Protein backbone atom coordinates (compact mmCIF):
# COMPACT_ATOMS: atom_id res chain seq x y z
CA MET A 1 -88.59 16.31 20.37
CA PRO A 2 -92.07 17.67 19.74
CA GLY A 3 -94.18 17.41 22.88
CA ASP A 4 -91.32 17.83 25.37
CA SER A 5 -91.81 20.36 28.15
CA VAL A 6 -88.84 22.72 28.43
CA THR A 7 -87.98 25.99 30.16
CA VAL A 8 -85.60 28.35 28.40
CA THR A 9 -83.77 31.47 29.51
CA GLY A 10 -82.33 34.13 27.27
CA SER A 11 -83.26 37.39 25.64
CA PHE A 12 -85.48 38.64 22.85
CA SER A 13 -84.14 41.40 20.61
CA ARG A 14 -86.09 44.06 18.73
CA GLY A 15 -85.22 42.43 15.41
CA GLY A 16 -87.26 39.38 16.37
CA THR A 17 -84.29 37.20 17.31
CA LEU A 18 -84.49 34.88 20.31
CA ASN A 19 -81.09 34.37 21.98
CA LEU A 20 -81.21 31.23 24.12
CA GLU A 21 -78.73 30.88 26.96
CA LYS A 22 -80.00 27.92 28.98
CA LEU A 23 -82.49 25.12 28.39
CA TYR A 24 -84.04 22.99 31.15
CA VAL A 25 -85.86 19.77 30.21
CA GLU A 26 -88.85 19.44 32.55
CA ALA A 27 -90.58 16.41 30.98
CA THR A 28 -90.21 14.30 27.86
CA ALA A 29 -92.96 13.11 25.56
CA LEU A 30 -93.47 9.45 24.70
CA THR A 31 -91.65 8.65 21.48
CA PHE A 32 -92.21 5.49 19.46
CA GLU A 33 -89.99 3.80 16.90
CA ARG A 34 -91.26 1.48 14.18
CA GLU A 35 -89.47 -1.87 13.92
CA ALA A 36 -89.88 -5.12 12.05
CA PRO A 37 -92.36 -7.51 13.72
CA ALA A 38 -91.41 -10.80 15.35
CA CYS A 39 -92.45 -13.90 13.44
CA ARG A 40 -95.50 -15.64 14.93
CA SER A 41 -94.15 -19.07 13.97
CA CYS A 42 -90.46 -19.07 14.90
CA GLY A 43 -90.07 -15.86 16.96
CA ARG A 44 -87.26 -14.31 14.88
CA ARG A 45 -87.42 -10.76 13.53
CA MET A 46 -88.82 -10.46 10.02
CA LYS A 47 -87.08 -8.54 7.23
CA SER A 48 -88.63 -5.82 5.10
CA LYS A 49 -89.38 -6.79 1.52
CA GLY A 50 -88.95 -3.21 0.38
CA GLY A 51 -92.58 -2.12 0.53
CA ARG A 52 -93.97 0.30 3.06
CA PHE A 53 -95.46 -2.36 5.37
CA ASP A 54 -94.42 -5.66 3.83
CA TYR A 55 -92.37 -8.04 5.99
CA ARG A 56 -91.27 -11.66 5.52
CA CYS A 57 -89.48 -14.13 7.79
CA GLN A 58 -86.31 -15.46 6.17
CA GLU A 59 -86.48 -18.72 8.13
CA CYS A 60 -90.04 -19.95 7.65
CA GLY A 61 -91.47 -17.59 5.02
CA THR A 62 -94.30 -16.19 7.17
CA ARG A 63 -95.53 -12.79 5.97
CA SER A 64 -96.90 -9.81 7.85
CA ASP A 65 -98.07 -6.33 6.96
CA LEU A 66 -98.19 -4.90 10.50
CA PRO A 67 -95.04 -3.39 12.02
CA GLU A 68 -94.38 -3.28 15.77
CA TYR A 69 -93.80 -0.08 17.71
CA ALA A 70 -91.41 0.20 20.64
CA VAL A 71 -91.13 3.04 23.15
CA VAL A 72 -87.83 4.93 22.83
CA LYS A 73 -86.29 5.46 26.27
CA ARG A 74 -85.15 9.05 26.64
CA ASP A 75 -83.59 9.87 29.99
CA LEU A 76 -83.42 13.66 29.74
CA ARG A 77 -85.77 14.70 32.53
CA GLY A 78 -84.10 17.26 34.76
CA THR A 79 -81.22 17.79 32.32
CA ARG A 80 -79.86 21.30 31.88
CA PHE A 81 -78.10 22.57 28.77
CA GLN A 82 -76.21 25.81 28.17
CA VAL A 83 -74.52 27.46 25.22
CA PRO A 84 -70.74 27.06 24.70
CA VAL A 85 -68.41 29.48 26.48
CA CYS A 86 -67.66 31.38 23.27
CA ALA A 87 -71.37 32.17 22.80
CA ARG A 88 -72.14 33.35 26.35
CA ARG A 89 -72.80 36.95 27.18
CA HIS A 90 -70.69 38.55 29.89
CA LEU A 91 -73.52 38.52 32.49
CA THR A 92 -74.58 34.91 32.03
CA GLU A 93 -74.00 32.81 35.12
CA PRO A 94 -72.64 29.34 34.26
CA LEU A 95 -74.47 26.28 35.59
CA GLU A 96 -71.40 25.37 37.66
CA LEU A 97 -71.76 28.58 39.72
CA GLU A 98 -75.51 28.12 40.14
CA GLY A 99 -74.88 24.82 41.93
CA LEU A 100 -77.02 22.94 39.42
CA VAL A 101 -74.35 20.68 37.92
């Protein structure tokens, strides 16, 4: 996601191509997700009426135009990724041999 801090290893060719071999996620950025607000009267989640920010409770009819935002939990810190075996170069050391997995 935009804002994540990553370290990559690979090579850069003369043609301007970047060949990634490994990716290490150092830190993740806060990511928010928009969701329907909870009704102030009955506490149930409101439903969208189809407008951009137009919500209505199906139980009591209360209306709202302000959505709620929740933090998306992403547990990727310290995760290491590598390319598939078929895409590795012959000198690339797999993560299993580095003792990192």
